[in-house]
């Protein structure tokens, strides 16, 4: 289980982090910046949730010390809208992202997952569908510089955007994830300081405001004063119940600026490729692709929360012995539930 260090001067905030992350991560809590630095040096956590405003030791100084101790430290900055410019400065120094208060559990978990992904190195897996759509998105971004990509969480939206950015010549270090609730200052700061092309990914939950992330991306990247090497893609997570509304809103956007990524359950060719890739990643020589693929597809189509790429990674990690793998048996049971 990965370890997350939460650093805040308010005990109530630390308690909330503990509740939200319990069972998913091993959580360490440090009240105040000085205590946070000490615990970081002692435990070397996989990720840090760091409040920017603390009385004893400012979050910028805490982050600087942590990055000095470990340049690969994955720090997620928690801030308020008025302090987003400072968050951008920390991102230039090495912080992996930020979230704006007030936080939802979903946004915090998503941002934390992304910070941990960046520690392990993001290696996009190009599946047949994503490769085709990525080529279309790349050509669109060459001329329009901004796009809306929507679909269920874990469907591969970020992989799609990153493959397009890579085709445009962007390096991994010139791509930043931003919070659409406080995007303008970080975008401006990072773009002004960048050398060469830069790309921005804005994550948004459709239930909050489906147009917010796209408006941010479009307003920024399409501004006449912006460099032609600045690109922005809004990634909107959509639940099945919200899909019709989102499609309707996307239809009113300028032509060919919105891209829908269907859930993996509707992309059997991609599911097969992903399962094979993940099984190889785990060194799972005994993985039975023929058994796992149809069972995974049925489970994903019946249950929205399993219809994401992370679920396929978990399936591919199962080692099969002489008997049918326990997870595959559970999948078979799930597929028969109404």
Protein backbone atom coordinates (compact mmCIF):
# COMPACT_ATOMS: atom_id res chain seq x y z
CA UNK A 1 0.00 0.00 0.00
CA UNK A 2 1.38 3.41 -0.96
CA UNK A 3 2.07 6.00 1.72
CA UNK A 4 0.67 9.53 1.63
CA UNK A 5 1.82 12.30 3.97
CA UNK A 6 -0.76 15.03 4.69
CA UNK A 7 0.65 18.34 5.97
CA UNK A 8 -1.74 20.97 7.34
CA UNK A 9 -1.88 23.26 10.37
CA UNK A 10 -5.52 22.38 11.09
CA UNK A 11 -6.25 19.05 12.79
CA UNK A 12 -9.75 19.00 11.28
CA UNK A 13 -8.25 19.00 7.77
CA UNK A 14 -5.87 16.17 8.68
CA UNK A 15 -8.81 14.19 10.06
CA UNK A 16 -10.70 14.63 6.79
CA UNK A 17 -7.72 13.47 4.73
CA UNK A 18 -7.44 10.42 6.95
CA UNK A 19 -11.11 9.54 6.46
CA UNK A 20 -11.05 10.04 2.68
CA UNK A 21 -7.82 8.11 2.11
CA UNK A 22 -8.38 5.32 4.64
CA UNK A 23 -8.22 1.87 3.08
CA UNK A 24 -6.70 3.22 -0.13
CA UNK A 25 -3.39 4.51 1.21
CA UNK A 26 -1.32 4.39 4.36
CA UNK A 27 -1.79 7.93 5.71
CA UNK A 28 0.71 9.91 7.76
CA UNK A 29 -0.36 13.24 9.28
CA UNK A 30 1.86 16.19 10.17
CA UNK A 31 0.45 19.26 11.87
CA UNK A 32 2.48 22.17 10.56
CA UNK A 33 5.27 22.64 8.05
CA UNK A 34 8.17 21.82 10.38
CA UNK A 35 6.62 18.52 11.41
CA UNK A 36 5.89 17.79 7.73
CA UNK A 37 9.54 18.16 6.74
CA UNK A 38 10.66 15.91 9.59
CA UNK A 39 8.15 13.18 8.70
CA UNK A 40 9.02 13.42 5.01
CA UNK A 41 12.71 12.89 5.70
CA UNK A 42 11.96 9.98 8.02
CA UNK A 43 9.35 8.11 5.98
CA UNK A 44 9.90 9.22 2.35
CA UNK A 45 6.21 8.88 1.39
CA UNK A 46 5.04 8.15 -2.13
CA UNK A 47 3.10 11.43 -2.25
CA UNK A 48 2.49 14.53 -0.14
CA UNK A 49 -0.69 16.59 0.29
CA UNK A 50 0.60 20.02 1.30
CA UNK A 51 -1.41 23.03 2.48
CA UNK A 52 0.06 26.21 1.00
CA UNK A 53 -0.86 28.55 3.85
CA UNK A 54 0.52 27.58 7.27
CA UNK A 55 1.63 29.91 10.06
CA UNK A 56 4.74 28.14 11.32
CA UNK A 57 6.37 27.41 7.98
CA UNK A 58 4.96 28.48 4.62
CA UNK A 59 4.05 25.71 2.15
CA UNK A 60 6.54 27.00 -0.42
CA UNK A 61 9.41 26.59 2.04
CA UNK A 62 8.17 23.14 3.02
CA UNK A 63 8.00 22.04 -0.62
CA UNK A 64 11.46 23.44 -1.30
CA UNK A 65 12.94 21.43 1.56
CA UNK A 66 11.15 18.25 0.48
CA UNK A 67 12.32 18.63 -3.12
CA UNK A 68 15.83 19.31 -1.92
CA UNK A 69 15.73 16.05 0.04
CA UNK A 70 14.13 14.16 -2.86
CA UNK A 71 13.91 15.83 -6.31
CA UNK A 72 11.40 13.13 -7.30
CA UNK A 73 9.00 13.97 -4.46
CA UNK A 74 5.37 14.03 -5.64
CA UNK A 75 3.76 17.01 -3.96
CA UNK A 76 0.10 17.93 -4.36
CA UNK A 77 -0.50 21.53 -3.26
CA UNK A 78 -3.81 22.49 -1.62
CA UNK A 79 -4.59 26.17 -2.10
CA UNK A 80 -7.31 28.79 -2.54
CA UNK A 81 -8.11 30.58 -5.79
CA UNK A 82 -6.30 33.76 -4.71
CA UNK A 83 -3.06 31.83 -4.21
CA UNK A 84 -3.00 29.90 -7.50
CA UNK A 85 -0.12 32.00 -8.81
CA UNK A 86 2.02 30.71 -5.93
CA UNK A 87 0.90 27.18 -6.77
CA UNK A 88 2.18 27.73 -10.31
CA UNK A 89 5.56 28.77 -8.94
CA UNK A 90 5.71 25.53 -6.97
CA UNK A 91 4.82 23.53 -10.07
CA UNK A 92 7.74 25.12 -11.89
CA UNK A 93 9.93 24.04 -8.97
CA UNK A 94 8.74 20.45 -9.09
CA UNK A 95 5.31 20.09 -7.45
CA UNK A 96 3.12 17.72 -9.45
CA UNK A 97 -0.22 19.48 -9.19
CA UNK A 98 -2.59 21.48 -7.06
CA UNK A 99 -6.23 21.47 -6.01
CA UNK A 100 -8.35 24.46 -5.03
CA UNK A 101 -10.41 24.63 -1.85
CA UNK A 102 -13.15 23.71 -1.15
CA UNK A 103 -12.31 20.15 -2.17
CA UNK A 104 -14.54 17.26 -3.11
CA UNK A 105 -13.41 13.73 -2.25
CA UNK A 106 -13.47 12.82 -5.93
CA UNK A 107 -11.23 15.70 -6.96
CA UNK A 108 -8.75 15.02 -4.18
CA UNK A 109 -8.51 11.30 -5.00
CA UNK A 110 -8.20 11.97 -8.72
CA UNK A 111 -5.44 14.55 -8.24
CA UNK A 112 -3.61 12.24 -5.85
CA UNK A 113 -3.80 9.32 -8.28
CA UNK A 114 -2.35 11.56 -10.99
CA UNK A 115 0.50 12.68 -8.73
CA UNK A 116 1.34 9.04 -7.99
CA UNK A 117 1.14 8.20 -11.68
CA UNK A 118 3.69 10.89 -12.43
CA UNK A 119 6.05 9.35 -9.84
CA UNK A 120 5.91 6.01 -11.57
CA UNK A 121 6.24 7.59 -15.00
CA UNK A 122 3.28 7.99 -17.32
CA UNK A 123 3.58 5.58 -20.24
CA UNK A 124 0.56 5.95 -22.54
CA UNK A 125 -0.74 2.65 -23.88
CA UNK A 126 -1.87 3.23 -27.44
CA UNK A 127 -4.89 1.04 -28.15
CA UNK A 128 -6.47 0.85 -31.62
CA UNK A 129 -9.35 3.25 -30.84
CA UNK A 130 -7.19 5.73 -28.90
CA UNK A 131 -4.54 5.74 -31.65
CA UNK A 132 -7.14 6.61 -34.29
CA UNK A 133 -8.77 9.33 -32.21
CA UNK A 134 -5.40 10.69 -31.11
CA UNK A 135 -4.41 11.31 -34.74
CA UNK A 136 -7.63 13.30 -35.25
CA UNK A 137 -7.12 15.26 -32.03
CA UNK A 138 -3.53 16.07 -33.00
CA UNK A 139 -4.58 17.61 -36.29
CA UNK A 140 -7.33 19.57 -34.56
CA UNK A 141 -4.93 21.00 -31.96
CA UNK A 142 -2.49 22.12 -34.66
CA UNK A 143 -5.05 24.65 -35.86
CA UNK A 144 -7.44 25.28 -32.93
CA UNK A 145 -5.07 24.72 -29.93
CA UNK A 146 -7.93 23.77 -27.57
CA UNK A 147 -10.31 20.83 -27.32
CA UNK A 148 -12.89 19.18 -25.07
CA UNK A 149 -12.49 15.44 -24.41
CA UNK A 150 -15.30 13.81 -22.45
CA UNK A 151 -16.22 10.32 -21.30
CA UNK A 152 -16.30 8.16 -18.16
CA UNK A 153 -13.47 8.37 -15.69
CA UNK A 154 -10.71 5.89 -16.49
CA UNK A 155 -11.68 5.53 -20.15
CA UNK A 156 -8.32 6.78 -21.43
CA UNK A 157 -8.98 10.51 -21.93
CA UNK A 158 -5.63 11.57 -20.53
CA UNK A 159 -3.79 8.95 -22.57
CA UNK A 160 -5.52 10.31 -25.67
CA UNK A 161 -4.48 13.90 -24.87
CA UNK A 162 -0.91 12.95 -23.97
CA UNK A 163 -0.44 10.98 -27.19
CA UNK A 164 -1.66 14.03 -29.13
CA UNK A 165 0.68 16.32 -27.19
CA UNK A 166 3.57 13.97 -27.87
CA UNK A 167 2.76 14.03 -31.59
CA UNK A 168 2.93 17.82 -31.40
CA UNK A 169 6.47 17.59 -30.03
CA UNK A 170 5.77 18.24 -26.33
CA UNK A 171 7.97 16.59 -23.73
CA UNK A 172 6.53 15.10 -20.52
CA UNK A 173 8.00 17.99 -18.52
CA UNK A 174 6.08 20.57 -20.53
CA UNK A 175 2.62 19.12 -19.79
CA UNK A 176 0.77 20.28 -16.67
CA UNK A 177 -2.52 19.23 -15.06
CA UNK A 178 -4.48 22.19 -13.72
CA UNK A 179 -7.58 22.60 -11.59
CA UNK A 180 -10.26 24.33 -13.70
CA UNK A 181 -11.53 26.16 -10.63
CA UNK A 182 -8.30 28.14 -10.42
CA UNK A 183 -6.63 27.82 -13.79
CA UNK A 184 -5.95 31.30 -15.16
CA UNK A 185 -2.96 32.39 -13.06
CA UNK A 186 -1.11 29.03 -13.22
CA UNK A 187 -1.66 28.86 -16.98
CA UNK A 188 -0.30 32.37 -17.49
CA UNK A 189 2.67 31.83 -15.18
CA UNK A 190 3.66 28.48 -16.66
CA UNK A 191 3.18 29.56 -20.27
CA UNK A 192 5.24 32.73 -19.81
CA UNK A 193 8.11 30.82 -18.22
CA UNK A 194 8.09 27.93 -20.68
CA UNK A 195 10.65 27.43 -23.40
CA UNK A 196 9.04 25.81 -26.43
CA UNK A 197 5.61 24.20 -26.67
CA UNK A 198 3.49 23.60 -23.56
CA UNK A 199 0.27 21.69 -22.96
CA UNK A 200 -2.36 21.97 -20.24
CA UNK A 201 -4.79 19.29 -19.05
CA UNK A 202 -7.82 20.54 -17.13
CA UNK A 203 -9.77 17.89 -15.21
CA UNK A 204 -13.43 18.53 -14.47
CA UNK A 205 -16.41 16.57 -13.19
CA UNK A 206 -19.44 16.97 -15.45
CA UNK A 207 -21.77 17.09 -12.49
CA UNK A 208 -20.14 20.32 -11.33
CA UNK A 209 -20.20 22.27 -14.59
CA UNK A 210 -19.50 20.57 -17.89
CA UNK A 211 -18.62 23.81 -19.65
CA UNK A 212 -16.21 25.19 -17.05
CA UNK A 213 -13.11 23.24 -18.02
CA UNK A 214 -13.67 23.70 -21.74
CA UNK A 215 -14.32 27.42 -21.36
CA UNK A 216 -11.05 27.72 -19.46
CA UNK A 217 -9.10 25.79 -22.08
CA UNK A 218 -10.71 27.52 -25.03
CA UNK A 219 -10.43 31.05 -23.61
CA UNK A 220 -6.78 30.61 -22.80
CA UNK A 221 -5.43 28.70 -25.78
CA UNK A 222 -7.48 30.63 -28.35
CA UNK A 223 -6.52 34.11 -27.11
CA UNK A 224 -4.76 36.06 -29.90
CA UNK A 225 -1.91 37.10 -27.61
CA UNK A 226 -1.01 33.50 -26.76
CA UNK A 227 1.89 31.71 -28.37
CA UNK A 228 0.98 29.24 -31.09
CA UNK A 229 2.87 26.64 -29.05
CA UNK A 230 0.35 26.69 -26.18
CA UNK A 231 -2.26 23.91 -26.20
CA UNK A 232 -5.06 23.14 -23.75
CA UNK A 233 -7.35 20.11 -23.46
CA UNK A 234 -10.29 19.94 -21.06
CA UNK A 235 -10.86 16.41 -19.75
CA UNK A 236 -14.43 16.05 -18.46
CA UNK A 237 -15.44 12.98 -16.42
CA UNK A 238 -19.01 11.98 -17.25
CA UNK A 239 -21.34 9.53 -15.52
CA UNK A 240 -23.71 7.50 -17.68
CA UNK A 241 -26.69 9.48 -16.38
CA UNK A 242 -25.03 12.73 -17.50
CA UNK A 243 -23.95 11.58 -20.95
CA UNK A 244 -27.00 12.81 -22.89
CA UNK A 245 -26.71 16.28 -21.34
CA UNK A 246 -22.99 16.50 -22.07
CA UNK A 247 -23.48 15.41 -25.69
CA UNK A 248 -26.14 18.07 -26.10
CA UNK A 249 -23.86 20.77 -24.72
CA UNK A 250 -20.92 19.57 -26.83
CA UNK A 251 -23.08 19.80 -29.95
CA UNK A 252 -23.35 23.57 -29.43
CA UNK A 253 -19.58 24.07 -29.33
CA UNK A 254 -17.64 25.18 -32.43
CA UNK A 255 -17.34 22.36 -35.02
CA UNK A 256 -14.94 19.53 -34.34
CA UNK A 257 -13.65 20.73 -30.97
CA UNK A 258 -15.25 18.02 -28.79
CA UNK A 259 -14.17 14.39 -28.69
CA UNK A 260 -16.05 11.59 -26.92
CA UNK A 261 -14.18 8.61 -25.48
CA UNK A 262 -16.59 5.70 -24.93
CA UNK A 263 -16.14 3.39 -21.92
CA UNK A 264 -13.78 0.43 -22.30
CA UNK A 265 -16.74 -1.98 -22.23
CA UNK A 266 -17.72 -0.69 -25.68
CA UNK A 267 -14.19 -1.14 -27.03
CA UNK A 268 -13.49 -4.90 -26.92
CA UNK A 269 -10.43 -4.63 -29.16
CA UNK A 270 -8.92 -2.08 -26.79
CA UNK A 271 -9.75 -4.18 -23.71
CA UNK A 272 -7.88 -7.12 -25.19
CA UNK A 273 -4.82 -4.96 -25.97
CA UNK A 274 -4.85 -3.40 -22.48
CA UNK A 275 -5.19 -6.74 -20.68
CA UNK A 276 -2.28 -8.17 -22.68
CA UNK A 277 -0.17 -5.07 -21.97
CA UNK A 278 -0.90 -5.00 -18.23
CA UNK A 279 -0.35 -8.75 -17.86
CA UNK A 280 3.06 -8.31 -19.47
CA UNK A 281 3.75 -5.33 -17.23
CA UNK A 282 3.13 -7.52 -14.18
CA UNK A 283 5.13 -10.40 -15.62
CA UNK A 284 2.00 -12.56 -15.49
CA UNK A 285 2.94 -15.43 -17.79
CA UNK A 286 -0.07 -17.50 -16.69
CA UNK A 287 -2.72 -14.91 -17.54
CA UNK A 288 -5.50 -16.39 -19.68
CA UNK A 289 -6.54 -13.63 -22.08
CA UNK A 290 -9.28 -15.74 -23.69
CA UNK A 291 -10.99 -16.33 -20.34
CA UNK A 292 -10.46 -12.88 -18.86
CA UNK A 293 -11.52 -10.68 -21.79
CA UNK A 294 -15.22 -11.65 -22.11
CA UNK A 295 -15.68 -11.81 -18.34
CA UNK A 296 -14.12 -8.36 -17.87
CA UNK A 297 -16.26 -6.89 -20.66
CA UNK A 298 -19.48 -8.20 -19.09
CA UNK A 299 -18.52 -7.01 -15.60
CA UNK A 300 -17.64 -3.55 -16.95
CA UNK A 301 -20.85 -3.17 -18.91
CA UNK A 302 -22.96 -4.10 -15.85
CA UNK A 303 -21.22 -1.90 -13.31
CA UNK A 304 -20.22 1.68 -14.08
CA UNK A 305 -17.65 1.90 -11.30
CA UNK A 306 -15.67 -1.00 -12.77
CA UNK A 307 -15.82 0.41 -16.29
CA UNK A 308 -12.38 1.99 -16.25
CA UNK A 309 -8.83 1.09 -17.20
CA UNK A 310 -7.70 0.75 -13.58
CA UNK A 311 -10.08 -2.22 -13.26
CA UNK A 312 -8.37 -3.93 -16.21
CA UNK A 313 -4.99 -3.38 -14.59
CA UNK A 314 -6.28 -5.18 -11.47
CA UNK A 315 -7.65 -8.07 -13.55
CA UNK A 316 -4.33 -8.45 -15.39
CA UNK A 317 -2.42 -8.63 -12.10
CA UNK A 318 -4.10 -11.90 -11.09
CA UNK A 319 -1.81 -14.91 -11.29
CA UNK A 320 -3.57 -18.05 -12.46
CA UNK A 321 -2.52 -21.45 -11.16
CA UNK A 322 -4.05 -24.84 -11.87
CA UNK A 323 -7.48 -23.69 -10.79
CA UNK A 324 -9.48 -20.80 -12.13
CA UNK A 325 -8.26 -17.50 -10.60
CA UNK A 326 -10.45 -16.27 -7.73
CA UNK A 327 -10.92 -12.88 -9.37
CA UNK A 328 -12.16 -14.47 -12.58
CA UNK A 329 -14.66 -16.51 -10.55
CA UNK A 330 -15.85 -13.32 -8.86
CA UNK A 331 -16.15 -11.65 -12.25
CA UNK A 332 -18.33 -14.49 -13.46
CA UNK A 333 -20.62 -13.96 -10.44
CA UNK A 334 -20.75 -10.20 -11.02
CA UNK A 335 -21.81 -10.61 -14.64
CA UNK A 336 -24.91 -12.55 -13.56
CA UNK A 337 -26.13 -9.84 -11.20
CA UNK A 338 -28.99 -7.66 -12.53
